[in-house]
Protein backbone atom coordinates (compact mmCIF):
# COMPACT_ATOMS: atom_id res chain seq x y z
CA MET A 1 -0.92 -46.95 18.07
CA LYS A 2 -1.72 -46.73 14.50
CA LYS A 3 -5.10 -44.87 15.07
CA ILE A 4 -3.48 -42.59 17.99
CA MET A 5 -1.25 -41.52 14.71
CA ILE A 6 -3.43 -40.72 12.19
CA ALA A 7 -5.09 -38.69 14.85
CA PHE A 8 -2.11 -37.01 15.86
CA ILE A 9 -1.28 -35.94 12.48
CA VAL A 10 -4.63 -34.94 11.67
CA ALA A 11 -4.65 -32.90 14.68
CA VAL A 12 -1.28 -31.42 13.35
CA CYS A 13 -2.18 -30.57 10.03
CA PHE A 14 -6.09 -28.64 11.55
CA CYS A 15 -4.05 -26.73 13.98
CA GLN A 16 -1.43 -25.54 11.13
CA CYS A 17 -4.29 -24.66 8.79
CA ARG A 18 -5.93 -22.82 12.36
CA GLU A 19 -2.71 -20.69 12.37
CA LYS A 20 -2.56 -19.71 8.74
CA LYS A 21 -2.49 -16.46 8.54
CA GLU A 22 -4.71 -14.77 5.53
CA LYS A 23 -2.30 -12.18 3.68
CA LEU A 24 -3.46 -9.12 1.78
CA GLY A 25 -2.17 -8.76 -1.34
CA PHE A 26 -2.89 -6.01 -4.51
CA ILE A 27 -2.42 -6.53 -8.52
CA LEU A 28 -2.23 -4.07 -10.80
CA LEU A 29 -4.98 -4.12 -13.01
CA THR A 30 -5.39 -3.77 -16.65
CA ALA A 31 -7.29 -0.81 -18.92
CA GLY A 32 -9.57 -3.49 -19.70
CA GLU A 33 -10.44 -4.18 -16.15
CA PHE A 34 -11.91 -1.07 -14.76
CA ASN A 35 -13.02 2.08 -16.71
CA SER A 36 -10.63 4.13 -18.10
CA LYS A 37 -11.84 6.31 -20.53
CA PRO A 38 -11.57 8.90 -18.17
CA PHE A 39 -8.39 8.67 -17.78
CA GLU A 40 -7.46 8.68 -21.53
CA LEU A 41 -5.02 10.72 -23.18
CA PRO A 42 -6.39 12.07 -26.88
CA VAL A 43 -2.87 10.82 -28.16
CA ARG A 44 -0.98 7.96 -27.41
CA GLU A 45 2.11 9.47 -27.83
CA ASN A 46 1.82 11.75 -25.04
CA ILE A 47 1.52 9.04 -22.64
CA ASP A 48 4.83 7.69 -24.19
CA SER A 49 6.77 11.14 -23.63
CA LEU A 50 5.04 11.62 -20.38
CA LYS A 51 6.84 7.68 -19.25
CA LYS A 52 9.73 8.60 -21.37
CA ALA A 53 10.56 12.09 -18.82
CA HIS A 54 9.73 9.76 -15.29
CA ASP A 55 12.09 7.66 -16.88
CA ASN A 56 14.91 9.73 -17.44
CA CYS A 57 14.43 11.75 -14.28
CA MET A 58 13.69 9.27 -11.76
CA GLY A 59 15.82 6.62 -13.62
CA PHE A 60 13.41 3.74 -12.99
CA ALA A 61 9.86 2.42 -15.36
CA PHE A 62 6.63 3.62 -12.80
CA ASP A 63 4.00 0.93 -14.51
CA ALA A 64 1.33 3.27 -14.21
CA ASN A 65 -2.20 2.19 -15.85
CA ALA A 66 -3.77 5.70 -15.09
CA SER A 67 -2.71 9.38 -16.22
CA LEU A 68 -4.22 11.51 -13.61
CA VAL A 69 -3.44 14.88 -15.01
CA GLN A 70 -7.44 14.94 -16.34
CA SER A 71 -8.79 13.81 -12.83
CA LYS A 72 -6.64 15.15 -10.60
CA ASP A 73 -9.65 17.05 -8.18
CA SER A 74 -11.12 13.12 -7.60
CA PHE A 75 -8.64 10.50 -7.02
CA ARG A 76 -6.24 10.88 -3.86
CA ILE A 77 -3.79 8.42 -3.04
CA GLY A 78 -5.63 5.22 -0.57
CA SER A 79 -8.72 6.17 -2.61
CA ILE A 80 -11.23 3.34 -3.29
CA ILE A 81 -12.81 3.53 -5.95
CA ASN A 82 -15.80 1.32 -8.33
CA ARG A 83 -14.10 0.59 -11.41
CA SER A 84 -17.44 1.12 -13.25
CA SER A 85 -18.79 4.28 -11.97
CA LEU A 86 -15.27 6.11 -10.60
CA LYS A 87 -17.05 6.54 -7.59
CA VAL A 88 -14.85 7.44 -4.75
CA LEU A 89 -15.79 5.10 -1.75
CA ASN A 90 -13.45 5.52 0.83
CA THR A 91 -10.13 7.81 1.79
CA LEU A 92 -7.29 7.45 4.16
CA GLY A 93 -9.74 9.59 6.19
CA SER A 94 -11.15 6.61 6.98
CA LEU A 95 -8.85 5.40 8.47
CA GLY A 96 -7.97 7.23 11.11
CA LEU A 97 -5.09 8.79 10.12
CA SER A 98 -4.20 12.67 8.73
CA MET A 99 -2.21 12.28 5.11
CA ASN A 100 0.41 13.71 7.34
CA GLN A 101 0.86 10.63 9.39
CA MET A 102 0.28 8.16 6.58
CA ALA A 103 3.09 10.16 4.76
CA THR A 104 5.61 9.45 7.06
CA ASN A 105 5.31 5.86 6.20
CA PHE A 106 4.74 6.12 2.27
CA ASN A 107 7.57 5.05 0.32
CA ILE A 108 8.94 8.53 -1.23
CA ILE A 109 11.28 9.33 -3.68
CA ALA A 110 11.57 13.19 -5.37
CA ASN A 111 14.23 14.08 -7.70
CA PRO A 112 14.36 17.63 -9.43
CA CYS A 113 14.32 17.21 -13.08
CA TYR A 114 13.84 19.89 -15.88
CA GLU A 115 12.20 17.82 -18.13
CA LYS A 116 10.98 19.50 -22.04
CA MET A 117 8.74 17.97 -23.74
CA LEU A 118 6.60 18.97 -26.87
CA LEU A 119 2.94 17.97 -26.58
CA ASP A 120 1.47 17.87 -30.24
CA ILE A 121 -2.04 17.73 -28.55
CA PRO A 122 -4.40 21.00 -27.21
CA LEU A 123 -3.44 22.43 -23.64
CA LYS A 124 -6.99 21.70 -22.64
CA SER A 125 -5.91 18.12 -22.84
CA ILE A 126 -3.84 17.87 -20.44
CA LEU A 127 -5.14 20.76 -18.08
CA GLY A 128 -9.25 19.94 -18.94
CA GLU A 129 -11.60 21.32 -20.69
CA HIS A 130 -12.91 23.41 -18.27
CA PHE A 131 -8.97 25.27 -17.69
CA ASN A 132 -10.38 28.93 -18.33
CA LEU A 133 -7.76 31.99 -17.19
CA GLN A 134 -9.07 35.01 -15.61
CA VAL A 135 -6.59 38.14 -15.32
CA PRO A 136 -7.70 40.25 -12.38
CA ASN A 137 -8.68 43.39 -13.37
CA ALA A 138 -8.48 42.67 -17.36
CA ASN A 139 -11.09 43.35 -19.49
CA ALA A 140 -13.51 40.69 -21.31
CA ALA A 141 -11.84 40.58 -24.06
CA ILE A 142 -8.07 40.24 -23.55
CA ASN A 143 -9.60 37.62 -21.06
CA LYS A 144 -11.27 35.59 -24.34
CA GLU A 145 -8.54 36.43 -25.98
CA ILE A 146 -5.92 34.50 -23.82
CA ASN A 147 -8.08 31.48 -22.91
CA GLU A 148 -9.15 31.75 -27.38
CA ALA A 149 -5.37 31.43 -27.64
CA ILE A 150 -4.94 28.19 -25.52
CA ASP A 151 -7.82 27.04 -27.11
CA ALA A 152 -6.62 27.50 -30.57
CA SER A 153 -2.54 26.77 -30.36
CA PRO A 154 -1.36 23.51 -31.76
CA ASP A 155 0.87 22.46 -29.62
CA ALA A 156 2.64 23.36 -26.35
CA GLU A 157 5.98 22.95 -24.90
CA MET A 158 5.80 21.33 -21.49
CA GLN A 159 8.65 21.93 -18.40
CA THR A 160 8.35 20.51 -15.15
CA GLY A 161 10.05 20.88 -12.10
CA SER A 162 10.84 18.37 -9.93
CA TRP A 163 8.92 14.83 -10.05
CA TYR A 164 7.80 12.37 -6.91
CA TYR A 165 6.76 9.41 -6.58
CA LEU A 166 4.10 8.08 -3.78
CA ASP A 167 3.43 4.43 -3.10
CA MET A 168 1.53 3.02 -0.01
CA GLN A 169 0.94 -0.66 -0.51
CA ASP A 170 3.51 -1.57 2.76
CA VAL A 171 2.05 0.98 5.09
CA LEU A 172 -1.66 -0.08 4.17
CA VAL A 173 -0.94 -3.51 4.70
CA LYS A 174 0.47 -3.46 7.96
CA ILE A 175 -2.32 -0.38 9.04
CA LEU A 176 -4.94 -3.07 7.95
CA ASP A 177 -3.67 -6.49 9.80
CA THR A 178 -4.60 -4.74 13.06
CA ILE A 179 -7.36 -2.35 12.09
CA LYS A 180 -10.13 -2.68 14.76
CA THR A 181 -12.80 0.81 14.07
CA ALA A 182 -16.07 0.81 12.36
CA GLU A 183 -14.57 3.23 9.67
CA GLY A 184 -11.46 0.95 8.90
CA LEU A 185 -12.81 -2.49 8.80
CA ALA A 186 -15.54 -0.61 6.18
CA TYR A 187 -12.56 0.47 4.53
CA LYS A 188 -11.09 -2.92 4.06
CA LYS A 189 -14.62 -4.32 3.45
CA ASN A 190 -14.62 -1.97 0.04
CA LEU A 191 -10.79 -2.49 -0.54
CA LEU A 192 -11.45 -6.27 -0.87
CA ASP A 193 -14.76 -5.97 -2.68
CA SER A 194 -14.25 -6.95 -6.34
CA THR A 195 -15.83 -4.46 -8.30
CA ASN A 196 -13.30 -2.07 -7.11
CA MET A 197 -10.23 -1.15 -6.85
CA ILE A 198 -7.70 1.48 -5.16
CA LEU A 199 -5.44 4.41 -6.77
CA MET A 200 -1.92 2.53 -4.79
CA ALA A 201 0.98 4.96 -5.75
CA GLU A 202 1.18 8.13 -7.85
CA GLU A 203 3.32 9.72 -9.96
CA ASN A 204 3.07 13.50 -9.62
CA VAL A 205 5.09 16.69 -10.38
CA SER A 206 5.50 20.20 -9.21
CA ASP A 207 6.02 23.71 -11.32
CA VAL A 208 4.58 23.58 -14.85
CA SER A 209 4.83 25.82 -17.25
CA PHE A 210 3.78 25.48 -20.79
CA ILE A 211 4.77 27.50 -23.58
CA ILE A 212 1.95 28.48 -26.12
CA ASN A 213 2.65 29.48 -29.60
CA THR A 214 -0.44 31.79 -30.98
CA VAL A 215 -2.26 31.33 -34.20
CA LYS A 216 -2.68 34.90 -34.27
CA GLU A 217 -0.38 37.46 -33.30
CA ILE A 218 -1.05 38.55 -29.67
CA SER A 219 -3.08 42.16 -29.76
CA ALA A 220 -0.96 45.12 -28.59
CA PRO A 221 -3.03 44.89 -25.23
CA LEU A 222 -2.77 42.09 -24.46
CA GLN A 223 0.82 42.14 -25.42
CA ALA A 224 1.06 45.17 -23.15
CA LEU A 225 -0.70 43.25 -19.63
CA LEU A 226 1.44 40.18 -20.30
CA GLN A 227 4.42 42.15 -19.88
CA THR A 228 3.81 42.68 -16.55
CA LYS A 229 3.97 39.25 -15.94
CA PRO A 230 0.28 39.06 -14.61
CA TYR A 231 -0.90 36.95 -12.01
CA VAL A 232 -4.23 35.39 -12.61
CA THR A 233 -6.70 33.33 -11.35
CA GLN A 234 -9.20 29.37 -11.65
CA ALA A 235 -12.04 29.14 -10.41
CA ASN A 236 -11.81 26.51 -7.69
CA SER A 237 -8.05 25.80 -8.17
CA PRO A 238 -5.34 26.58 -5.44
CA VAL A 239 -2.42 26.54 -7.72
CA SER A 240 -0.78 29.76 -8.57
CA ILE A 241 -0.49 30.57 -12.27
CA LYS A 242 1.49 33.32 -13.67
CA ILE A 243 2.14 34.24 -17.48
CA VAL A 244 4.63 35.71 -19.12
CA TYR A 245 5.26 37.40 -22.59
CA ILE A 246 7.79 35.96 -24.72
CA ASN A 247 6.99 37.65 -28.18
CA SER A 248 4.21 38.13 -30.45
CA ASN A 249 3.12 34.43 -31.33
CA LYS A 250 4.01 33.29 -27.85
CA PHE A 251 3.88 32.95 -24.27
CA GLN A 252 4.02 30.94 -21.08
CA ILE A 253 1.55 29.50 -18.40
CA ILE A 254 3.87 29.10 -14.89
CA ILE A 255 1.86 26.76 -12.75
CA ASN A 256 3.24 26.73 -9.20
CA GLY A 257 1.74 23.45 -7.33
CA TYR A 258 0.99 19.61 -6.91
CA PHE A 259 -0.26 17.79 -10.11
CA PRO A 260 -0.52 13.59 -10.14
CA ALA A 261 0.58 12.85 -13.29
CA ALA A 262 0.16 9.16 -13.08
CA GLY A 263 -0.95 6.59 -11.17
CA LYS A 264 -1.17 2.48 -10.26
CA LEU A 265 -4.41 1.91 -10.11
CA MET A 266 -4.82 -2.15 -7.79
CA LYS A 267 -6.93 -4.55 -6.99
CA ALA A 268 -6.80 -5.99 -3.27
CA VAL A 269 -6.83 -9.95 -3.03
CA ILE A 270 -6.16 -12.11 -0.20
CA ILE A 271 -2.85 -14.40 -0.52
């Protein structure tokens, strides 16, 4: 009888172990666990001001570990990225779902909030070193003057429009729990590779404007042009940009679009 009871207990334990299902979980990475250098802004106070603006607008703290304003063309929510090289290995397209299909299940919080902040750093630290404006039908000298004024400006006042918070953790767990396609399984394999990470959540802002204080007085030809509020172009950019004249030492750049400001990079674990 004793042997039968022992066998029964062993069998029950074995069945319970077999029935226990592995669950996908995620842990926020610290800056030391991935190549965070491309995400760093040169002045710590600017990062703090962005976080303060977010918290004031959204009413909750976003535990971001990457500033995406300098890498907005490289990383999208749901992308699996190598921690060292920052090479994108997979995107949401690997799951066979469109962004619209995924977005219907995102945790999305939006709030209009016209927060102003002073950025005591060069504007290109935010928009990227290759940011360059070209006014259509303007001569080379005028375009040069505009871009030199942006480069030389010691500070800029930034104002944001609406803020958007997107999180896909819950929906991703549900999708990967039943994924069967080859591409989907490859996505899951890379996700679980300890050398990789995923952009799980991101904070976005729309309709950003910058007030530029020029070191030199704006030339008469450029003043005349800016008073027409021209729309300008930027290479490989889908956003709409307008320049508005304020006074002889100040003009405003208005950018209508959708910009990832900060992100949450996480590692996947089995729990």
